[in-house]
Amino acid sequence: MHAPPAFRRHLLDAIPRLRRYARSLGLDGPMADDLTQLTLERALSRWQQFDSARDMTVWLLSIAHNAHLDGRRRDARLTVVDPDEMQRAQDADGGDPGTDVGLRLDLLRALARLAPEQRETLLLVCVEQLSYAETAQVMGTPIGTVMSRVCRARAALRRLLDGGSAAPPLRRVL
């Protein structure tokens, strides 16, 4: 039995967000495409398990997140997009006129230095604009953990963009 046309349309509409999320996980173009494809295949093969009361985007991002974690477990070496490599590619292409490439590269470098859990959580909340509750569903963690990760990720990004390290400064307890 095939998935209904409305379900398939929602899947097609979700492709840009799925791919953006896959790229935000630090995957290069082909790997992001592979994760997007795997997510769509799993969703299509399990369409009858989808609860229509649930947000389909959250369901799809959950599938992508879990597939990514499975891949990380299988392959301890995660391929991360190298911001310097991206800079060379943009220089070769002439860059994107009208944007501050330097700021984008600084941000990409800072994001790459965050712990994967912080980076993934921050990107789901800030880029994908999921609520904390939806992000908790995608990641399979309590909402308090999501809130804490976002807070720590934002603080770490500020430190990194100010020239510091991702780790918070040590505090002396008196």
Foldseek 3Di string as FASTA:
>chain_A
DWDDPVLVVVLVVLLVVQLVLLVLLQDDNVSSVVLSVVLSVVCGVPVVVDDPVDDVNLVSLLSSLVVVVVVCVVPVDDHGDDLVVVVVVCVVVVHDPPDDSVVVSLLSVLLVQDDSVLSSLLCCCPVVVDDLVSSCSSNVHDSVVSVVSPVLSVVLSVQSSVPHHSDDDDDDDD
